[in-house]
Amino acid sequence: MISLTKGAFTVVEKEGVKVAEVKKSDDVALECTLQDLTVEQPATLEKVLAKLEKYGGCIVKNYLPLETVDRILADVEEYIDQDKDFEGTFLPRQTRTVPGMCKKSAVTTEEFVCHPLNLAVSDALLGKENCFWIGDEVVTGYSAPQHNSCITFKIGPGAPDQVLHRDDMLHHNIRKHMDVYEYGTETALGSVLALSNTSKANGATRFVPGSHLWSHMRKPTASEAVYAEMSKGDCFFMLASCYHGGSANTTEDEYRTQVILFMTQGILRQEENIMVGTPVEYFKSLSVTALKTLGLSLSYPFLGMVDGYDGLRTFKPEHYEKRKNDDPYTSVYPGVLV
């Protein structure tokens, strides 16, 4: 194993408790308003990229027609009431989810995931072209961005703030301080479609502007976040290297519903796709070790989920039940800035 944590923190014992000491960083957050984050119409690739370079996020008004949003909502409603309150600590208990939207809603896939602006922004940030010697020829190859996840989140009254986090932790991406944003450092791009009006009161996404330029262990504070308030049909683009999180729903009867898409680099996949056309019963016949080696269990913390769960839940339910409460992290310490 190659550990990427060496030197990032120091474990010490204080009053009988082991804590992780992290050196304070000089990285600063940017002050901005919703107007600063909002792209002027007509929204173009160049305008979106300019906002992302500076702030790490931006809002595009009227991204999808309301008629299309209502069609997505109709697909969501088929599944959302089948879910139950979230079990765990990463999301508030009052959260209902519909994972795997791209296999449950064709309109989500065709109109949201394949939206021309999403494809263009994803290509600019995540697309890769390289050159190689193959025999006596120099050839070039292009890897297009791909879908990483697409999940609907419905947050109900009484939900507390979600913890601030970076979504590129899934890919173990190591950030460095940047004075100016450097293309090629991103592993994923998020786009958040408002399926309802979102406000600070009902749980709009909190977002820390400029945190995509921070060093890896710079800790965000709640006061540095702004609220990505949107009207139904608006979209919030966000680099996965930015700190963000859902906010508390302090209303009595409002629900905040958003579908969140993440695109990722096309190279973050296996060379052989052995999943398509392979009967589930074949995988069930294999050992847990074999399933893990084939990539059919989680890459911690959250990569490789099947409808929100470790794939082993499908193939080896008895093993999953014994291990489902295992911590997805190799270590957890209270953090202290020094």
C-alpha atoms as a PDB file:
ATOM      1  CA  MET A   1       0.000   0.000   0.000  1.00  0.00           C
ATOM      2  CA  ILE A   2       1.167   3.524  -0.831  1.00  0.00           C
ATOM      3  CA  SER A   3       0.058   5.869   1.943  1.00  0.00           C
ATOM      4  CA  LEU A   4      -0.630   9.452   0.903  1.00  0.00           C
ATOM      5  CA  THR A   5      -1.110  10.659   4.487  1.00  0.00           C
ATOM      6  CA  LYS A   6       2.532  10.784   5.547  1.00  0.00           C
ATOM      7  CA  GLY A   7       3.293  14.180   7.018  1.00  0.00           C
ATOM      8  CA  ALA A   8      -0.288  15.428   6.636  1.00  0.00           C
ATOM      9  CA  PHE A   9      -0.982  15.204  10.373  1.00  0.00           C
ATOM     10  CA  THR A  10       0.616  14.035  13.594  1.00  0.00           C
ATOM     11  CA  VAL A  11      -1.168  11.739  16.033  1.00  0.00           C
ATOM     12  CA  VAL A  12      -0.669  12.762  19.664  1.00  0.00           C
ATOM     13  CA  GLU A  13      -2.412  11.847  22.878  1.00  0.00           C
ATOM     14  CA  LYS A  14      -4.164  14.580  24.849  1.00  0.00           C
ATOM     15  CA  GLU A  15      -5.984  13.836  28.083  1.00  0.00           C
ATOM     16  CA  GLY A  16      -6.092  10.166  27.193  1.00  0.00           C
ATOM     17  CA  VAL A  17      -7.504  10.739  23.692  1.00  0.00           C
ATOM     18  CA  LYS A  18      -5.561  10.360  20.460  1.00  0.00           C
ATOM     19  CA  VAL A  19      -6.002  13.399  18.213  1.00  0.00           C
ATOM     20  CA  ALA A  20      -4.643  14.423  14.814  1.00  0.00           C
ATOM     21  CA  GLU A  21      -2.684  17.673  14.901  1.00  0.00           C
ATOM     22  CA  VAL A  22      -2.808  19.555  11.588  1.00  0.00           C
ATOM     23  CA  LYS A  23      -0.770  22.658  10.847  1.00  0.00           C
ATOM     24  CA  LYS A  24      -2.838  25.748  10.142  1.00  0.00           C
ATOM     25  CA  SER A  25      -2.871  26.939   6.543  1.00  0.00           C
ATOM     26  CA  ASP A  26      -2.623  30.445   5.122  1.00  0.00           C
ATOM     27  CA  ASP A  27      -5.080  29.639   2.312  1.00  0.00           C
ATOM     28  CA  VAL A  28      -7.933  32.163   2.267  1.00  0.00           C
ATOM     29  CA  ALA A  29     -11.577  31.867   1.264  1.00  0.00           C
ATOM     30  CA  LEU A  30     -13.048  34.230  -1.300  1.00  0.00           C
ATOM     31  CA  GLU A  31     -15.886  36.538  -0.403  1.00  0.00           C
ATOM     32  CA  CYS A  32     -18.618  36.524  -3.000  1.00  0.00           C
ATOM     33  CA  THR A  33     -22.349  36.914  -3.463  1.00  0.00           C
ATOM     34  CA  LEU A  34     -24.919  34.851  -5.316  1.00  0.00           C
ATOM     35  CA  GLN A  35     -24.729  37.434  -8.064  1.00  0.00           C
ATOM     36  CA  ASP A  36     -20.971  36.870  -8.331  1.00  0.00           C
ATOM     37  CA  LEU A  37     -21.583  33.128  -8.769  1.00  0.00           C
ATOM     38  CA  THR A  38     -24.356  33.530 -11.318  1.00  0.00           C
ATOM     39  CA  VAL A  39     -23.439  33.276 -14.998  1.00  0.00           C
ATOM     40  CA  GLU A  40     -24.798  36.014 -17.235  1.00  0.00           C
ATOM     41  CA  GLN A  41     -27.180  34.860 -19.943  1.00  0.00           C
ATOM     42  CA  PRO A  42     -26.692  33.406 -22.428  1.00  0.00           C
ATOM     43  CA  ALA A  43     -24.608  30.880 -20.514  1.00  0.00           C
ATOM     44  CA  THR A  44     -21.572  29.767 -22.513  1.00  0.00           C
ATOM     45  CA  LEU A  45     -18.662  27.423 -21.895  1.00  0.00           C
ATOM     46  CA  GLU A  46     -16.269  30.354 -21.553  1.00  0.00           C
ATOM     47  CA  LYS A  47     -18.444  32.114 -18.967  1.00  0.00           C
ATOM     48  CA  VAL A  48     -18.875  28.975 -16.868  1.00  0.00           C
ATOM     49  CA  LEU A  49     -15.166  28.165 -16.938  1.00  0.00           C
ATOM     50  CA  ALA A  50     -14.265  31.716 -15.887  1.00  0.00           C
ATOM     51  CA  LYS A  51     -16.471  31.381 -12.788  1.00  0.00           C
ATOM     52  CA  LEU A  52     -15.142  27.911 -11.988  1.00  0.00           C
ATOM     53  CA  GLU A  53     -11.533  29.044 -12.312  1.00  0.00           C
ATOM     54  CA  LYS A  54     -12.102  31.875  -9.853  1.00  0.00           C
ATOM     55  CA  TYR A  55     -14.674  30.551  -7.383  1.00  0.00           C
ATOM     56  CA  GLY A  56     -14.838  26.795  -8.027  1.00  0.00           C
ATOM     57  CA  GLY A  57     -18.593  26.985  -8.574  1.00  0.00           C
ATOM     58  CA  CYS A  58     -21.261  28.870 -10.509  1.00  0.00           C
ATOM     59  CA  ILE A  59     -25.025  29.014 -11.029  1.00  0.00           C
ATOM     60  CA  VAL A  60     -26.692  28.806 -14.435  1.00  0.00           C
ATOM     61  CA  LYS A  61     -30.258  30.108 -14.403  1.00  0.00           C
ATOM     62  CA  ASN A  62     -33.038  28.294 -16.285  1.00  0.00           C
ATOM     63  CA  TYR A  63     -30.718  25.406 -17.111  1.00  0.00           C
ATOM     64  CA  LEU A  64     -33.585  23.068 -17.992  1.00  0.00           C
ATOM     65  CA  PRO A  65     -37.186  23.918 -18.940  1.00  0.00           C
ATOM     66  CA  LEU A  66     -39.685  23.417 -16.107  1.00  0.00           C
ATOM     67  CA  GLU A  67     -41.519  20.843 -18.213  1.00  0.00           C
ATOM     68  CA  THR A  68     -38.357  18.726 -18.346  1.00  0.00           C
ATOM     69  CA  VAL A  69     -37.768  19.162 -14.611  1.00  0.00           C
ATOM     70  CA  ASP A  70     -41.310  17.969 -13.930  1.00  0.00           C
ATOM     71  CA  ARG A  71     -40.671  14.848 -16.033  1.00  0.00           C
ATOM     72  CA  ILE A  72     -37.577  14.112 -13.932  1.00  0.00           C
ATOM     73  CA  LEU A  73     -39.628  14.685 -10.782  1.00  0.00           C
ATOM     74  CA  ALA A  74     -42.237  12.223 -12.001  1.00  0.00           C
ATOM     75  CA  ASP A  75     -39.519   9.588 -12.379  1.00  0.00           C
ATOM     76  CA  VAL A  76     -38.166  10.441  -8.921  1.00  0.00           C
ATOM     77  CA  GLU A  77     -41.566  10.125  -7.247  1.00  0.00           C
ATOM     78  CA  GLU A  78     -41.756   6.496  -8.333  1.00  0.00           C
ATOM     79  CA  TYR A  79     -38.802   5.701  -6.067  1.00  0.00           C
ATOM     80  CA  ILE A  80     -38.450   8.391  -3.404  1.00  0.00           C
ATOM     81  CA  ASP A  81     -41.260   7.108  -1.166  1.00  0.00           C
ATOM     82  CA  GLN A  82     -39.728   3.629  -1.249  1.00  0.00           C
ATOM     83  CA  ASP A  83     -36.662   4.978   0.542  1.00  0.00           C
ATOM     84  CA  LYS A  84     -36.424   5.361   4.302  1.00  0.00           C
ATOM     85  CA  ASP A  85     -34.728   7.873   6.551  1.00  0.00           C
ATOM     86  CA  PHE A  86     -30.963   7.835   6.035  1.00  0.00           C
ATOM     87  CA  GLU A  87     -29.010   5.547   8.335  1.00  0.00           C
ATOM     88  CA  GLY A  88     -25.525   6.857   9.091  1.00  0.00           C
ATOM     89  CA  THR A  89     -23.800  10.123   9.884  1.00  0.00           C
ATOM     90  CA  PHE A  90     -22.709  11.482   6.499  1.00  0.00           C
ATOM     91  CA  LEU A  91     -26.225  12.689   5.607  1.00  0.00           C
ATOM     92  CA  PRO A  92     -28.985  13.953   7.914  1.00  0.00           C
ATOM     93  CA  ARG A  93     -31.518  11.350   9.020  1.00  0.00           C
ATOM     94  CA  GLN A  94     -34.271  13.367   7.305  1.00  0.00           C
ATOM     95  CA  THR A  95     -32.735  12.700   3.853  1.00  0.00           C
ATOM     96  CA  ARG A  96     -34.392  10.495   1.250  1.00  0.00           C
ATOM     97  CA  THR A  97     -32.321   9.452  -1.778  1.00  0.00           C
ATOM     98  CA  VAL A  98     -32.786   7.933  -5.205  1.00  0.00           C
ATOM     99  CA  PRO A  99     -29.386   6.606  -6.324  1.00  0.00           C
ATOM    100  CA  GLY A 100     -28.698   5.327  -9.814  1.00  0.00           C
ATOM    101  CA  MET A 101     -30.866   7.939 -11.526  1.00  0.00           C
ATOM    102  CA  CYS A 102     -29.333   7.127 -14.906  1.00  0.00           C
ATOM    103  CA  LYS A 103     -30.802   3.627 -14.871  1.00  0.00           C
ATOM    104  CA  LYS A 104     -34.160   4.786 -13.513  1.00  0.00           C
ATOM    105  CA  SER A 105     -34.876   7.886 -15.560  1.00  0.00           C
ATOM    106  CA  ALA A 106     -34.145   8.167 -19.275  1.00  0.00           C
ATOM    107  CA  VAL A 107     -35.057  11.869 -19.258  1.00  0.00           C
ATOM    108  CA  THR A 108     -32.434  12.474 -16.546  1.00  0.00           C
ATOM    109  CA  THR A 109     -29.816  10.761 -18.692  1.00  0.00           C
ATOM    110  CA  GLU A 110     -30.750  12.357 -21.990  1.00  0.00           C
ATOM    111  CA  GLU A 111     -31.641  15.898 -20.876  1.00  0.00           C
ATOM    112  CA  PHE A 112     -29.520  16.469 -17.735  1.00  0.00           C
ATOM    113  CA  VAL A 113     -26.462  14.230 -17.988  1.00  0.00           C
ATOM    114  CA  CYS A 114     -26.140  14.763 -21.745  1.00  0.00           C
ATOM    115  CA  HIS A 115     -26.909  18.491 -21.600  1.00  0.00           C
ATOM    116  CA  PRO A 116     -24.558  20.167 -24.119  1.00  0.00           C
ATOM    117  CA  LEU A 117     -23.171  22.590 -21.532  1.00  0.00           C
ATOM    118  CA  ASN A 118     -22.439  19.793 -19.061  1.00  0.00           C
ATOM    119  CA  LEU A 119     -20.627  17.812 -21.750  1.00  0.00           C
ATOM    120  CA  ALA A 120     -18.607  20.852 -22.835  1.00  0.00           C
ATOM    121  CA  VAL A 121     -17.597  21.890 -19.296  1.00  0.00           C
ATOM    122  CA  SER A 122     -16.778  18.285 -18.377  1.00  0.00           C
ATOM    123  CA  ASP A 123     -14.614  17.905 -21.470  1.00  0.00           C
ATOM    124  CA  ALA A 124     -12.691  21.116 -20.706  1.00  0.00           C
ATOM    125  CA  LEU A 125     -11.945  19.998 -17.143  1.00  0.00           C
ATOM    126  CA  LEU A 126     -11.827  16.198 -17.316  1.00  0.00           C
ATOM    127  CA  GLY A 127     -11.178  15.178 -20.916  1.00  0.00           C
ATOM    128  CA  LYS A 128      -7.694  13.804 -21.566  1.00  0.00           C
ATOM    129  CA  GLU A 129      -5.564  13.540 -24.701  1.00  0.00           C
ATOM    130  CA  ASN A 130      -2.156  11.927 -24.689  1.00  0.00           C
ATOM    131  CA  CYS A 131       0.475  10.757 -27.171  1.00  0.00           C
ATOM    132  CA  PHE A 132       2.337   7.440 -27.266  1.00  0.00           C
ATOM    133  CA  TRP A 133       4.945   5.475 -29.184  1.00  0.00           C
ATOM    134  CA  ILE A 134       3.383   2.333 -30.669  1.00  0.00           C
ATOM    135  CA  GLY A 135       6.111   0.644 -32.655  1.00  0.00           C
ATOM    136  CA  ASP A 136       7.500   3.255 -35.062  1.00  0.00           C
ATOM    137  CA  GLU A 137       4.425   5.481 -34.961  1.00  0.00           C
ATOM    138  CA  VAL A 138       3.476   8.364 -32.682  1.00  0.00           C
ATOM    139  CA  VAL A 139      -0.255   8.164 -31.980  1.00  0.00           C
ATOM    140  CA  THR A 140      -2.638  10.255 -29.908  1.00  0.00           C
ATOM    141  CA  GLY A 141      -5.578   9.052 -27.901  1.00  0.00           C
ATOM    142  CA  TYR A 142      -8.536  10.845 -26.283  1.00  0.00           C
ATOM    143  CA  SER A 143     -10.445   9.767 -23.178  1.00  0.00           C
ATOM    144  CA  ALA A 144     -13.836  11.464 -22.768  1.00  0.00           C
ATOM    145  CA  PRO A 145     -15.394  12.247 -19.374  1.00  0.00           C
ATOM    146  CA  GLN A 146     -17.957   9.791 -18.040  1.00  0.00           C
ATOM    147  CA  HIS A 147     -20.816   9.616 -15.565  1.00  0.00           C
ATOM    148  CA  ASN A 148     -19.639   8.945 -12.007  1.00  0.00           C
ATOM    149  CA  SER A 149     -22.895   9.208 -10.041  1.00  0.00           C
ATOM    150  CA  CYS A 150     -26.345  10.729 -10.325  1.00  0.00           C
ATOM    151  CA  ILE A 151     -28.426  10.786  -7.148  1.00  0.00           C
ATOM    152  CA  THR A 152     -31.573  12.635  -6.091  1.00  0.00           C
ATOM    153  CA  PHE A 153     -31.601  14.026  -2.551  1.00  0.00           C
ATOM    154  CA  LYS A 154     -34.791  15.140  -0.807  1.00  0.00           C
ATOM    155  CA  ILE A 155     -34.130  16.850   2.529  1.00  0.00           C
ATOM    156  CA  GLY A 156     -37.013  17.265   4.945  1.00  0.00           C
ATOM    157  CA  PRO A 157     -37.784  19.678   7.791  1.00  0.00           C
ATOM    158  CA  GLY A 158     -35.565  19.360  10.847  1.00  0.00           C
ATOM    159  CA  ALA A 159     -32.464  18.198   8.976  1.00  0.00           C
ATOM    160  CA  PRO A 160     -29.208  19.635  10.403  1.00  0.00           C
ATOM    161  CA  ASP A 161     -26.243  20.847   8.361  1.00  0.00           C
ATOM    162  CA  GLN A 162     -24.312  18.190   6.510  1.00  0.00           C
ATOM    163  CA  VAL A 163     -20.585  18.220   7.247  1.00  0.00           C
ATOM    164  CA  LEU A 164     -18.416  20.160   4.788  1.00  0.00           C
ATOM    165  CA  HIS A 165     -16.385  17.858   2.549  1.00  0.00           C
ATOM    166  CA  ARG A 166     -14.669  17.510  -0.822  1.00  0.00           C
ATOM    167  CA  ASP A 167     -16.084  14.932  -3.216  1.00  0.00           C
ATOM    168  CA  ASP A 168     -12.727  14.195  -4.821  1.00  0.00           C
ATOM    169  CA  MET A 169     -11.842  12.322  -1.629  1.00  0.00           C
ATOM    170  CA  LEU A 170     -13.489   9.377  -3.426  1.00  0.00           C
ATOM    171  CA  HIS A 171     -10.535   9.329  -5.820  1.00  0.00           C
ATOM    172  CA  HIS A 172      -7.938  10.016  -3.079  1.00  0.00           C
ATOM    173  CA  ASN A 173      -7.055  13.211  -4.939  1.00  0.00           C
ATOM    174  CA  ILE A 174      -4.266  15.205  -3.262  1.00  0.00           C
ATOM    175  CA  ARG A 175      -4.682  18.955  -3.534  1.00  0.00           C
ATOM    176  CA  LYS A 176      -1.914  21.553  -3.524  1.00  0.00           C
ATOM    177  CA  HIS A 177      -2.056  25.312  -3.019  1.00  0.00           C
ATOM    178  CA  MET A 178      -2.628  27.200  -6.243  1.00  0.00           C
ATOM    179  CA  ASP A 179      -2.493  30.946  -6.855  1.00  0.00           C
ATOM    180  CA  VAL A 180      -4.194  30.360 -10.216  1.00  0.00           C
ATOM    181  CA  TYR A 181      -6.343  27.349 -11.054  1.00  0.00           C
ATOM    182  CA  GLU A 182      -4.485  24.642 -12.967  1.00  0.00           C
ATOM    183  CA  TYR A 183      -6.384  22.538 -15.489  1.00  0.00           C
ATOM    184  CA  GLY A 184      -5.781  18.801 -15.252  1.00  0.00           C
ATOM    185  CA  THR A 185      -5.917  18.669 -11.438  1.00  0.00           C
ATOM    186  CA  GLU A 186      -9.599  17.759 -11.191  1.00  0.00           C
ATOM    187  CA  THR A 187     -10.935  14.207 -10.933  1.00  0.00           C
ATOM    188  CA  ALA A 188     -14.645  15.084 -10.982  1.00  0.00           C
ATOM    189  CA  LEU A 189     -17.157  17.825 -11.740  1.00  0.00           C
ATOM    190  CA  GLY A 190     -20.523  18.213 -10.036  1.00  0.00           C
ATOM    191  CA  SER A 191     -23.734  19.745 -11.337  1.00  0.00           C
ATOM    192  CA  VAL A 192     -26.702  20.229  -9.032  1.00  0.00           C
ATOM    193  CA  LEU A 193     -30.134  20.570 -10.653  1.00  0.00           C
ATOM    194  CA  ALA A 194     -32.836  22.196  -8.548  1.00  0.00           C
ATOM    195  CA  LEU A 195     -36.001  20.084  -8.740  1.00  0.00           C
ATOM    196  CA  SER A 196     -37.589  22.530  -6.284  1.00  0.00           C
ATOM    197  CA  ASN A 197     -36.831  26.048  -5.169  1.00  0.00           C
ATOM    198  CA  THR A 198     -33.835  25.900  -2.826  1.00  0.00           C
ATOM    199  CA  SER A 199     -33.100  28.435  -0.093  1.00  0.00           C
ATOM    200  CA  LYS A 200     -30.940  28.856   2.966  1.00  0.00           C
ATOM    201  CA  ALA A 201     -33.992  27.986   5.038  1.00  0.00           C
ATOM    202  CA  ASN A 202     -34.869  24.699   3.324  1.00  0.00           C
ATOM    203  CA  GLY A 203     -31.389  23.247   2.848  1.00  0.00           C
ATOM    204  CA  ALA A 204     -29.612  24.865  -0.132  1.00  0.00           C
ATOM    205  CA  THR A 205     -26.088  23.568  -0.778  1.00  0.00           C
ATOM    206  CA  ARG A 206     -23.401  25.369   1.236  1.00  0.00           C
ATOM    207  CA  PHE A 207     -20.282  26.017  -0.799  1.00  0.00           C
ATOM    208  CA  VAL A 208     -16.862  27.464   0.108  1.00  0.00           C
ATOM    209  CA  PRO A 209     -15.710  29.738  -2.753  1.00  0.00           C
ATOM    210  CA  GLY A 210     -12.033  29.461  -3.607  1.00  0.00           C
ATOM    211  CA  SER A 211     -11.473  26.216  -1.712  1.00  0.00           C
ATOM    212  CA  HIS A 212     -10.444  24.522  -4.983  1.00  0.00           C
ATOM    213  CA  LEU A 213      -7.214  26.541  -4.694  1.00  0.00           C
ATOM    214  CA  TRP A 214      -6.425  25.405  -1.153  1.00  0.00           C
ATOM    215  CA  SER A 215      -3.775  22.987   0.010  1.00  0.00           C
ATOM    216  CA  HIS A 216      -4.922  19.494   0.922  1.00  0.00           C
ATOM    217  CA  MET A 217      -5.341  19.848   4.688  1.00  0.00           C
ATOM    218  CA  ARG A 218      -6.786  23.372   4.872  1.00  0.00           C
ATOM    219  CA  LYS A 219      -9.869  23.022   7.095  1.00  0.00           C
ATOM    220  CA  PRO A 220     -12.977  25.009   6.101  1.00  0.00           C
ATOM    221  CA  THR A 221     -15.172  26.882   8.556  1.00  0.00           C
ATOM    222  CA  ALA A 222     -18.922  27.361   8.411  1.00  0.00           C
ATOM    223  CA  SER A 223     -18.558  31.138   8.172  1.00  0.00           C
ATOM    224  CA  GLU A 224     -16.649  30.809   4.874  1.00  0.00           C
ATOM    225  CA  ALA A 225     -19.565  29.130   3.073  1.00  0.00           C
ATOM    226  CA  VAL A 226     -22.189  30.739   0.865  1.00  0.00           C
ATOM    227  CA  TYR A 227     -25.597  29.269   0.057  1.00  0.00           C
ATOM    228  CA  ALA A 228     -26.254  28.224  -3.543  1.00  0.00           C
ATOM    229  CA  GLU A 229     -29.884  29.292  -3.539  1.00  0.00           C
ATOM    230  CA  MET A 230     -31.682  28.440  -6.772  1.00  0.00           C
ATOM    231  CA  SER A 231     -35.060  28.467  -8.429  1.00  0.00           C
ATOM    232  CA  LYS A 232     -36.540  25.278  -9.827  1.00  0.00           C
ATOM    233  CA  GLY A 233     -34.737  24.464 -13.091  1.00  0.00           C
ATOM    234  CA  ASP A 234     -31.479  26.259 -12.197  1.00  0.00           C
ATOM    235  CA  CYS A 235     -28.161  24.380 -12.027  1.00  0.00           C
ATOM    236  CA  PHE A 236     -25.103  24.805  -9.811  1.00  0.00           C
ATOM    237  CA  PHE A 237     -21.789  23.653 -11.306  1.00  0.00           C
ATOM    238  CA  MET A 238     -19.088  22.809  -8.758  1.00  0.00           C
ATOM    239  CA  LEU A 239     -15.573  21.404  -8.881  1.00  0.00           C
ATOM    240  CA  ALA A 240     -15.202  18.243  -6.787  1.00  0.00           C
ATOM    241  CA  SER A 241     -12.159  19.854  -5.126  1.00  0.00           C
ATOM    242  CA  CYS A 242     -14.410  22.468  -3.459  1.00  0.00           C
ATOM    243  CA  TYR A 243     -15.711  22.075   0.076  1.00  0.00           C
ATOM    244  CA  HIS A 244     -19.494  21.916   0.222  1.00  0.00           C
ATOM    245  CA  GLY A 245     -22.390  20.278   2.045  1.00  0.00           C
ATOM    246  CA  GLY A 246     -26.148  20.418   2.381  1.00  0.00           C
ATOM    247  CA  SER A 247     -27.502  22.962   4.853  1.00  0.00           C
ATOM    248  CA  ALA A 248     -30.063  22.641   7.611  1.00  0.00           C
ATOM    249  CA  ASN A 249     -33.746  22.583   6.691  1.00  0.00           C
ATOM    250  CA  THR A 250     -35.229  24.903   9.316  1.00  0.00           C
ATOM    251  CA  THR A 251     -38.684  25.084   7.729  1.00  0.00           C
ATOM    252  CA  GLU A 252     -41.772  23.381   9.063  1.00  0.00           C
ATOM    253  CA  ASP A 253     -43.105  21.906   5.853  1.00  0.00           C
ATOM    254  CA  GLU A 254     -40.734  22.519   2.911  1.00  0.00           C
ATOM    255  CA  TYR A 255     -38.711  19.817   1.173  1.00  0.00           C
ATOM    256  CA  ARG A 256     -35.566  20.590  -0.807  1.00  0.00           C
ATOM    257  CA  THR A 257     -35.154  18.269  -3.773  1.00  0.00           C
ATOM    258  CA  GLN A 258     -32.083  18.243  -6.012  1.00  0.00           C
ATOM    259  CA  VAL A 259     -30.523  15.736  -8.386  1.00  0.00           C
ATOM    260  CA  ILE A 260     -26.743  15.819  -8.190  1.00  0.00           C
ATOM    261  CA  LEU A 261     -24.594  14.566 -11.052  1.00  0.00           C
ATOM    262  CA  PHE A 262     -20.867  13.991 -10.911  1.00  0.00           C
ATOM    263  CA  MET A 263     -18.809  13.452 -14.037  1.00  0.00           C
ATOM    264  CA  THR A 264     -15.322  11.999 -13.781  1.00  0.00           C
ATOM    265  CA  GLN A 265     -12.253  11.296 -15.888  1.00  0.00           C
ATOM    266  CA  GLY A 266     -12.795   8.566 -18.461  1.00  0.00           C
ATOM    267  CA  ILE A 267      -9.595   6.815 -17.409  1.00  0.00           C
ATOM    268  CA  LEU A 268     -10.998   6.093 -13.934  1.00  0.00           C
ATOM    269  CA  ARG A 269     -12.371   2.736 -14.988  1.00  0.00           C
ATOM    270  CA  GLN A 270     -11.205  -0.845 -15.560  1.00  0.00           C
ATOM    271  CA  GLU A 271      -9.744  -1.847 -18.931  1.00  0.00           C
ATOM    272  CA  GLU A 272     -12.119  -4.784 -19.280  1.00  0.00           C
ATOM    273  CA  ASN A 273     -15.818  -4.354 -18.594  1.00  0.00           C
ATOM    274  CA  ILE A 274     -16.726  -7.801 -17.311  1.00  0.00           C
ATOM    275  CA  MET A 275     -20.046  -6.694 -15.807  1.00  0.00           C
ATOM    276  CA  VAL A 276     -22.149  -6.335 -18.964  1.00  0.00           C
ATOM    277  CA  GLY A 277     -23.813  -9.601 -19.903  1.00  0.00           C
ATOM    278  CA  THR A 278     -22.404 -11.593 -16.980  1.00  0.00           C
ATOM    279  CA  PRO A 279     -25.147 -13.322 -14.973  1.00  0.00           C
ATOM    280  CA  VAL A 280     -25.450 -12.217 -11.358  1.00  0.00           C
ATOM    281  CA  GLU A 281     -25.478 -15.869 -10.334  1.00  0.00           C
ATOM    282  CA  TYR A 282     -21.912 -16.267 -11.625  1.00  0.00           C
ATOM    283  CA  PHE A 283     -20.675 -13.490  -9.359  1.00  0.00           C
ATOM    284  CA  LYS A 284     -22.622 -14.946  -6.441  1.00  0.00           C
ATOM    285  CA  SER A 285     -20.689 -18.198  -6.918  1.00  0.00           C
ATOM    286  CA  LEU A 286     -17.327 -16.481  -6.338  1.00  0.00           C
ATOM    287  CA  SER A 287     -15.529 -15.942  -3.042  1.00  0.00           C
ATOM    288  CA  VAL A 288     -15.534 -12.615  -1.229  1.00  0.00           C
ATOM    289  CA  THR A 289     -11.826 -12.282  -2.023  1.00  0.00           C
ATOM    290  CA  ALA A 290     -12.499 -12.790  -5.728  1.00  0.00           C
ATOM    291  CA  LEU A 291     -15.357 -10.265  -5.734  1.00  0.00           C
ATOM    292  CA  LYS A 292     -13.182  -7.643  -4.068  1.00  0.00           C
ATOM    293  CA  THR A 293     -10.328  -8.300  -6.491  1.00  0.00           C
ATOM    294  CA  LEU A 294     -12.697  -7.895  -9.450  1.00  0.00           C
ATOM    295  CA  GLY A 295     -13.788  -4.501  -8.103  1.00  0.00           C
ATOM    296  CA  LEU A 296     -17.295  -5.563  -7.073  1.00  0.00           C
ATOM    297  CA  SER A 297     -16.998  -4.249  -3.525  1.00  0.00           C
ATOM    298  CA  LEU A 298     -16.440  -0.698  -2.309  1.00  0.00           C
ATOM    299  CA  SER A 299     -13.252   1.248  -2.836  1.00  0.00           C
ATOM    300  CA  TYR A 300     -13.414   3.196   0.391  1.00  0.00           C
ATOM    301  CA  PRO A 301     -14.848   5.534   1.209  1.00  0.00           C
ATOM    302  CA  PHE A 302     -17.685   5.399  -1.350  1.00  0.00           C
ATOM    303  CA  LEU A 303     -16.671   4.248  -4.858  1.00  0.00           C
ATOM    304  CA  GLY A 304     -18.507   1.344  -6.461  1.00  0.00           C
ATOM    305  CA  MET A 305     -21.888   1.592  -4.753  1.00  0.00           C
ATOM    306  CA  VAL A 306     -24.900  -0.375  -5.986  1.00  0.00           C
ATOM    307  CA  ASP A 307     -28.023   1.661  -5.212  1.00  0.00           C
ATOM    308  CA  GLY A 308     -26.225   3.249  -2.275  1.00  0.00           C
ATOM    309  CA  TYR A 309     -24.755   0.057  -0.836  1.00  0.00           C
ATOM    310  CA  ASP A 310     -21.590  -2.032  -1.092  1.00  0.00           C
ATOM    311  CA  GLY A 311     -21.870  -4.474  -3.993  1.00  0.00           C
ATOM    312  CA  LEU A 312     -21.272  -7.325  -1.560  1.00  0.00           C
ATOM    313  CA  ARG A 313     -24.828  -6.717  -0.315  1.00  0.00           C
ATOM    314  CA  THR A 314     -26.011  -8.080  -3.679  1.00  0.00           C
ATOM    315  CA  PHE A 315     -23.532 -10.927  -4.106  1.00  0.00           C
ATOM    316  CA  LYS A 316     -22.795 -12.029  -0.524  1.00  0.00           C
ATOM    317  CA  PRO A 317     -25.608 -10.736   1.726  1.00  0.00           C
ATOM    318  CA  GLU A 318     -24.550 -12.843   4.717  1.00  0.00           C
ATOM    319  CA  HIS A 319     -21.030 -11.431   4.634  1.00  0.00           C
ATOM    320  CA  TYR A 320     -22.395  -7.907   4.108  1.00  0.00           C
ATOM    321  CA  GLU A 321     -24.701  -8.129   7.141  1.00  0.00           C
ATOM    322  CA  LYS A 322     -21.749  -9.036   9.345  1.00  0.00           C
ATOM    323  CA  ARG A 323     -19.600  -6.172   8.061  1.00  0.00           C
ATOM    324  CA  LYS A 324     -22.115  -3.445   7.110  1.00  0.00           C
ATOM    325  CA  ASN A 325     -21.361  -1.348  10.195  1.00  0.00           C
ATOM    326  CA  ASP A 326     -17.602  -1.379   9.641  1.00  0.00           C
ATOM    327  CA  ASP A 327     -16.056   2.080   9.464  1.00  0.00           C
ATOM    328  CA  PRO A 328     -15.232   2.992   5.826  1.00  0.00           C
ATOM    329  CA  TYR A 329     -12.147   4.853   6.997  1.00  0.00           C
ATOM    330  CA  THR A 330      -8.815   3.276   8.002  1.00  0.00           C
ATOM    331  CA  SER A 331      -8.537   5.684  10.936  1.00  0.00           C
ATOM    332  CA  VAL A 332     -10.587   8.472  12.534  1.00  0.00           C
ATOM    333  CA  TYR A 333      -9.186  11.050  14.961  1.00  0.00           C
ATOM    334  CA  PRO A 334     -10.566  14.314  16.309  1.00  0.00           C
ATOM    335  CA  GLY A 335      -8.738  17.020  14.374  1.00  0.00           C
ATOM    336  CA  VAL A 336      -6.876  19.875  16.060  1.00  0.00           C
ATOM    337  CA  LEU A 337      -5.315  22.853  14.251  1.00  0.00           C
ATOM    338  CA  VAL A 338      -1.910  23.909  15.614  1.00  0.00           C
END
